[in-house]
Protein backbone atom coordinates (compact mmCIF):
# COMPACT_ATOMS: atom_id res chain seq x y z
CA MET A 1 -107.29 -100.73 51.08
CA GLY A 2 -109.26 -98.87 53.75
CA VAL A 3 -110.85 -100.56 56.94
CA ARG A 4 -114.53 -100.61 56.94
CA THR A 5 -116.43 -100.93 59.80
CA GLY A 6 -120.20 -101.18 60.36
CA PHE A 7 -123.24 -102.90 62.28
CA ALA A 8 -124.67 -105.48 60.72
CA PRO A 9 -128.38 -106.28 62.07
CA ILE A 10 -128.87 -109.69 62.36
CA ASP A 11 -132.50 -111.02 64.39
CA GLY A 12 -133.15 -108.05 66.25
CA ILE A 13 -129.54 -107.44 67.37
CA GLN A 14 -126.29 -105.34 66.05
CA ILE A 15 -123.31 -107.33 65.32
CA TYR A 16 -120.28 -105.07 65.12
CA TYR A 17 -117.25 -105.60 62.63
CA LYS A 18 -114.65 -104.56 60.59
CA THR A 19 -113.51 -105.67 57.33
CA ILE A 20 -110.11 -105.13 54.86
CA GLY A 21 -108.41 -106.21 52.17
CA ASP A 22 -109.40 -108.46 48.98
CA GLY A 23 -109.72 -112.25 48.31
CA LEU A 24 -110.66 -115.47 49.63
CA PRO A 25 -112.79 -114.01 52.99
CA VAL A 26 -110.93 -114.86 56.53
CA VAL A 27 -113.38 -114.50 59.72
CA PHE A 28 -111.29 -113.99 63.13
CA ILE A 29 -113.57 -114.67 66.14
CA HIS A 30 -111.91 -113.40 69.39
CA GLY A 31 -112.47 -115.16 73.04
CA PHE A 32 -114.13 -115.00 75.92
CA THR A 33 -113.71 -111.35 77.61
CA LEU A 34 -111.86 -110.05 74.26
CA ASP A 35 -113.31 -108.63 71.39
CA THR A 36 -111.67 -107.42 67.44
CA ARG A 37 -108.31 -105.67 68.90
CA MET A 38 -107.34 -108.94 70.17
CA TRP A 39 -106.36 -109.54 66.26
CA ASP A 40 -104.83 -106.67 65.60
CA ASP A 41 -101.29 -108.19 65.00
CA GLN A 42 -103.12 -110.46 62.32
CA VAL A 43 -104.85 -107.66 60.06
CA GLU A 44 -102.16 -106.23 57.66
CA ALA A 45 -100.89 -109.29 57.43
CA PHE A 46 -103.89 -111.49 55.98
CA ALA A 47 -105.09 -108.27 54.72
CA GLU A 48 -102.46 -108.97 51.82
CA ARG A 49 -103.88 -111.93 50.76
CA HIS A 50 -107.59 -111.92 52.03
CA LEU A 51 -110.82 -110.19 52.89
CA VAL A 52 -110.02 -109.83 56.77
CA VAL A 53 -113.21 -109.46 58.54
CA ARG A 54 -113.23 -109.64 62.26
CA TYR A 55 -116.90 -108.98 64.70
CA ASP A 56 -117.76 -108.64 68.26
CA VAL A 57 -119.99 -111.79 69.21
CA ARG A 58 -123.03 -110.43 71.03
CA GLY A 59 -121.99 -109.64 74.51
CA PHE A 60 -118.90 -108.59 73.97
CA GLY A 61 -117.52 -105.24 72.51
CA ARG A 62 -119.48 -103.04 70.39
CA SER A 63 -122.17 -105.79 69.54
CA SER A 64 -125.70 -105.84 71.16
CA PRO A 65 -125.83 -107.22 74.95
CA VAL A 66 -127.05 -110.56 75.19
CA GLY A 67 -130.08 -110.36 76.34
CA THR A 68 -132.63 -112.71 78.18
CA ALA A 69 -133.87 -114.77 75.02
CA ASN A 70 -132.17 -117.70 73.50
CA TYR A 71 -129.73 -117.29 70.48
CA SER A 72 -127.10 -119.11 68.57
CA PRO A 73 -123.87 -117.55 67.77
CA LEU A 74 -123.27 -119.82 65.05
CA ASP A 75 -126.35 -118.59 63.18
CA GLU A 76 -125.49 -115.03 63.98
CA LEU A 77 -122.33 -116.00 62.12
CA LYS A 78 -124.29 -116.91 59.28
CA GLY A 79 -126.29 -113.80 59.44
CA LEU A 80 -123.03 -111.88 59.47
CA LEU A 81 -121.53 -113.81 56.27
CA ASP A 82 -124.97 -112.91 54.46
CA TYR A 83 -124.87 -109.48 55.22
CA LEU A 84 -121.24 -108.98 54.00
CA GLY A 85 -122.39 -111.29 50.81
CA LEU A 86 -120.17 -113.89 51.31
CA PRO A 87 -121.36 -117.05 50.70
CA SER A 88 -118.67 -119.11 52.23
CA ALA A 89 -115.18 -118.18 54.24
CA MET A 90 -112.32 -119.61 56.12
CA ILE A 91 -113.07 -119.23 60.03
CA VAL A 92 -110.86 -118.66 62.59
CA GLY A 93 -111.20 -118.66 66.21
CA LEU A 94 -109.26 -118.77 69.47
CA SER A 95 -110.51 -120.07 72.94
CA MET A 96 -114.26 -119.10 73.01
CA GLY A 97 -114.27 -118.08 69.02
CA GLY A 98 -112.41 -121.85 68.51
CA GLY A 99 -115.39 -123.28 69.80
CA ILE A 100 -117.82 -121.42 68.00
CA ALA A 101 -115.71 -121.68 64.53
CA THR A 102 -115.59 -125.66 65.21
CA SER A 103 -119.04 -125.90 65.98
CA PHE A 104 -120.12 -123.50 62.98
CA ALA A 105 -117.76 -125.91 60.48
CA VAL A 106 -120.39 -128.94 61.50
CA ALA A 107 -123.55 -126.43 61.32
CA TYR A 108 -122.68 -124.48 58.25
CA PRO A 109 -120.14 -127.11 56.47
CA ASN A 110 -121.37 -125.13 53.00
CA ALA A 111 -120.26 -121.79 54.27
CA THR A 112 -116.98 -122.96 55.94
CA ARG A 113 -114.18 -122.95 53.28
CA ALA A 114 -111.41 -124.10 56.21
CA LEU A 115 -111.31 -124.37 59.64
CA VAL A 116 -108.50 -123.04 61.89
CA ALA A 117 -109.47 -123.82 65.88
CA VAL A 118 -106.18 -121.26 67.88
CA ASP A 119 -105.94 -122.51 71.89
CA SER A 120 -110.00 -124.04 71.17
CA ALA A 121 -113.16 -124.32 73.55
CA LEU A 122 -115.18 -127.59 72.54
CA TRP A 123 -118.97 -127.63 72.79
CA GLY A 124 -119.38 -130.58 74.80
CA TYR A 125 -115.59 -131.18 76.38
CA ARG A 126 -115.71 -131.38 80.56
CA PRO A 127 -113.07 -129.90 81.42
CA LEU A 128 -111.17 -130.97 84.30
CA ASP A 129 -111.98 -130.02 87.68
CA GLU A 130 -109.27 -127.19 88.88
CA TRP A 131 -110.36 -125.13 85.34
CA ILE A 132 -113.73 -126.05 86.97
CA ALA A 133 -112.36 -124.32 90.29
CA ILE A 134 -111.01 -121.31 88.85
CA THR A 135 -114.13 -120.12 86.78
CA GLY A 136 -116.16 -120.78 89.68
CA GLU A 137 -114.41 -118.77 92.13
CA ILE A 138 -114.29 -115.68 89.39
CA ASN A 139 -118.16 -116.19 89.30
CA ARG A 140 -118.54 -115.82 92.88
CA VAL A 141 -116.01 -112.54 93.05
CA ALA A 142 -118.34 -110.98 90.47
CA ARG A 143 -121.34 -111.58 92.34
CA ASN A 144 -119.68 -110.21 95.77
CA SER A 145 -117.28 -108.30 94.96
CA GLY A 146 -118.06 -106.84 91.50
CA PRO A 147 -116.97 -107.12 88.15
CA GLU A 148 -113.87 -105.17 88.42
CA ALA A 149 -112.60 -107.60 90.85
CA ALA A 150 -113.46 -110.77 88.76
CA LYS A 151 -111.63 -109.01 86.28
CA ALA A 152 -108.67 -108.74 88.19
CA LEU A 153 -108.73 -112.70 89.11
CA TRP A 154 -109.15 -113.21 85.30
CA LEU A 155 -106.08 -112.15 84.18
CA ALA A 156 -104.54 -113.47 86.81
CA ASN A 157 -105.07 -117.13 86.06
CA PRO A 158 -103.00 -119.45 84.13
CA LEU A 159 -104.77 -119.28 81.08
CA PHE A 160 -103.25 -115.84 80.75
CA ALA A 161 -99.46 -116.51 82.66
CA PRO A 162 -97.33 -116.73 79.36
CA ALA A 163 -99.27 -113.57 77.85
CA LEU A 164 -98.51 -111.27 80.97
CA GLU A 165 -94.80 -112.06 80.70
CA ASN A 166 -94.80 -109.75 78.03
CA PRO A 167 -95.62 -105.74 78.98
CA ALA A 168 -96.54 -104.78 75.68
CA VAL A 169 -99.28 -108.01 75.45
CA PHE A 170 -100.63 -107.58 79.33
CA LEU A 171 -101.17 -103.48 78.62
CA ARG A 172 -103.20 -104.96 75.60
CA LEU A 173 -104.92 -107.67 77.21
CA ARG A 174 -105.79 -105.69 80.34
CA GLU A 175 -107.41 -102.53 78.17
CA ILE A 176 -109.44 -105.01 76.44
CA VAL A 177 -110.49 -107.23 79.21
CA GLY A 178 -111.44 -103.78 81.41
CA ASP A 179 -113.72 -102.74 78.57
CA TYR A 180 -116.04 -106.01 79.22
CA SER A 181 -119.25 -105.78 80.61
CA GLY A 182 -118.90 -108.71 83.02
CA TRP A 183 -122.21 -110.07 82.02
CA HIS A 184 -121.20 -113.79 82.24
CA TRP A 185 -120.34 -113.73 85.61
CA LEU A 186 -123.57 -112.13 86.72
CA ASN A 187 -126.44 -113.75 84.38
CA GLU A 188 -127.32 -117.04 82.82
CA ASN A 189 -126.23 -117.27 78.98
CA LYS A 190 -129.31 -118.59 77.09
CA GLU A 191 -126.66 -119.45 74.14
CA ARG A 192 -127.86 -122.45 72.31
CA GLY A 193 -125.55 -125.51 71.92
CA MET A 194 -125.92 -128.40 69.56
CA ASN A 195 -127.49 -131.69 70.18
CA PRO A 196 -125.40 -133.67 69.99
CA PRO A 197 -122.73 -131.58 70.85
CA THR A 198 -120.31 -130.98 68.67
CA ILE A 199 -117.44 -132.89 70.22
CA GLU A 200 -119.50 -136.07 69.24
CA ARG A 201 -119.90 -134.59 65.43
CA LEU A 202 -116.41 -133.84 64.48
CA THR A 203 -116.21 -136.62 62.24
CA GLU A 204 -118.48 -134.81 59.81
CA ILE A 205 -116.39 -131.80 59.00
CA ARG A 206 -115.08 -132.19 55.90
CA VAL A 207 -112.71 -128.96 55.16
CA PRO A 208 -109.21 -128.50 55.66
CA SER A 209 -108.97 -127.79 59.47
CA LEU A 210 -105.54 -126.74 61.32
CA ILE A 211 -105.61 -126.87 65.32
CA VAL A 212 -102.98 -124.49 66.55
CA LEU A 213 -101.88 -125.00 70.39
CA GLY A 214 -99.49 -123.11 72.42
CA GLU A 215 -97.13 -125.44 74.25
CA ARG A 216 -97.64 -123.61 77.54
CA ASP A 217 -101.39 -123.09 77.51
CA ILE A 218 -103.53 -125.20 80.11
CA PRO A 219 -103.87 -128.70 80.15
CA ASP A 220 -107.04 -128.49 78.91
CA ALA A 221 -105.73 -126.92 75.81
CA HIS A 222 -103.95 -129.41 74.97
CA ARG A 223 -106.14 -132.23 75.74
CA ILE A 224 -109.26 -130.79 73.78
CA ALA A 225 -106.42 -130.25 70.69
CA ASP A 226 -105.95 -134.08 70.40
CA ILE A 227 -109.72 -134.59 70.08
CA PRO A 228 -110.07 -132.94 66.66
CA VAL A 229 -107.12 -133.75 65.33
CA GLU A 230 -108.02 -137.31 65.72
CA LYS A 231 -111.49 -137.16 64.90
CA ILE A 232 -111.21 -134.49 61.93
CA PRO A 233 -109.89 -136.17 58.77
CA GLY A 234 -106.80 -134.57 57.50
CA ALA A 235 -106.55 -132.72 60.37
CA ARG A 236 -103.20 -130.89 60.94
CA LEU A 237 -101.79 -129.29 64.61
CA ILE A 238 -99.23 -126.97 65.26
CA THR A 239 -97.87 -126.65 68.67
CA LEU A 240 -96.29 -123.04 68.69
CA PRO A 241 -93.56 -123.12 71.50
CA GLY A 242 -93.15 -121.07 74.53
CA SER A 243 -96.63 -119.63 73.62
CA GLY A 244 -99.96 -119.86 75.73
CA ARG A 245 -103.36 -119.33 75.27
CA MET A 246 -102.73 -115.70 73.28
CA THR A 247 -100.53 -117.12 70.32
CA ASN A 248 -101.50 -114.65 67.57
CA MET A 249 -100.57 -111.87 70.11
CA GLU A 250 -97.66 -113.57 71.73
CA ALA A 251 -95.65 -114.93 68.71
CA PRO A 252 -97.40 -112.98 65.88
CA ARG A 253 -95.45 -113.60 63.47
CA GLN A 254 -95.11 -117.26 63.89
CA PHE A 255 -98.43 -117.29 64.14
CA ASN A 256 -99.40 -115.76 60.95
CA GLU A 257 -96.73 -117.48 59.20
CA ALA A 258 -98.23 -121.04 59.85
CA LEU A 259 -102.11 -119.77 59.30
CA LEU A 260 -100.88 -117.77 56.01
CA GLY A 261 -99.20 -120.85 54.84
CA PHE A 262 -101.54 -123.21 55.57
CA LEU A 263 -104.48 -121.27 53.86
CA ALA A 264 -102.09 -120.65 50.55
CA ALA A 265 -101.63 -124.32 50.58
CA ILE A 266 -105.67 -125.07 50.25
């Protein structure tokens, strides 16, 4: 059961991926400024039952830079599934990855066997003013002082506060964020959204759906988690006590048990 890695050619770019295991496929999508390494604690547990697929979203990790053309991360995920010969998969995403996963379930319902949105973003949701101010300051620092200063400020914001209380998790996060280019803080991202936005189309999702929330995540995350639970038919919410945004890294055993139990029941 060895790890297989490669680059999928999709619409003129390269998407880096890693797979391991056999069985029903599960795709893991990372958060903003992160990459496939954030899922290291899930690989062994899930590969015992599933084909585990991890990949770097365009602009992160080893995948191609964003560039100047319009693009859709949803189309690129579908392209990756097609390249791997997977008609459908269970889609798991955290934060930014959760926003992609949820939107993918709307855009490509036949390619989605189940949805797990973890401390998730939601396309079309307007953040609270506090979070808008935080991200605006990080962008300003990146422009004025460079990406390295912005990375330090990014890691120091409330999003990661619970994770940074664990030295081992902190070191891993610092390494992964340290490898991020900082491109999105300095450039216009031509990522295509959905119209109407995902937040207005959640009732279209008809696959088994699990919403995972770290108890100590920021207020926006708690507000976002309530929306799909209300709108997606049959969606369930699990709150992991003591965890913040990085639930899969902060509490991997509890996280893995919750998700494996959910997937096994489908």
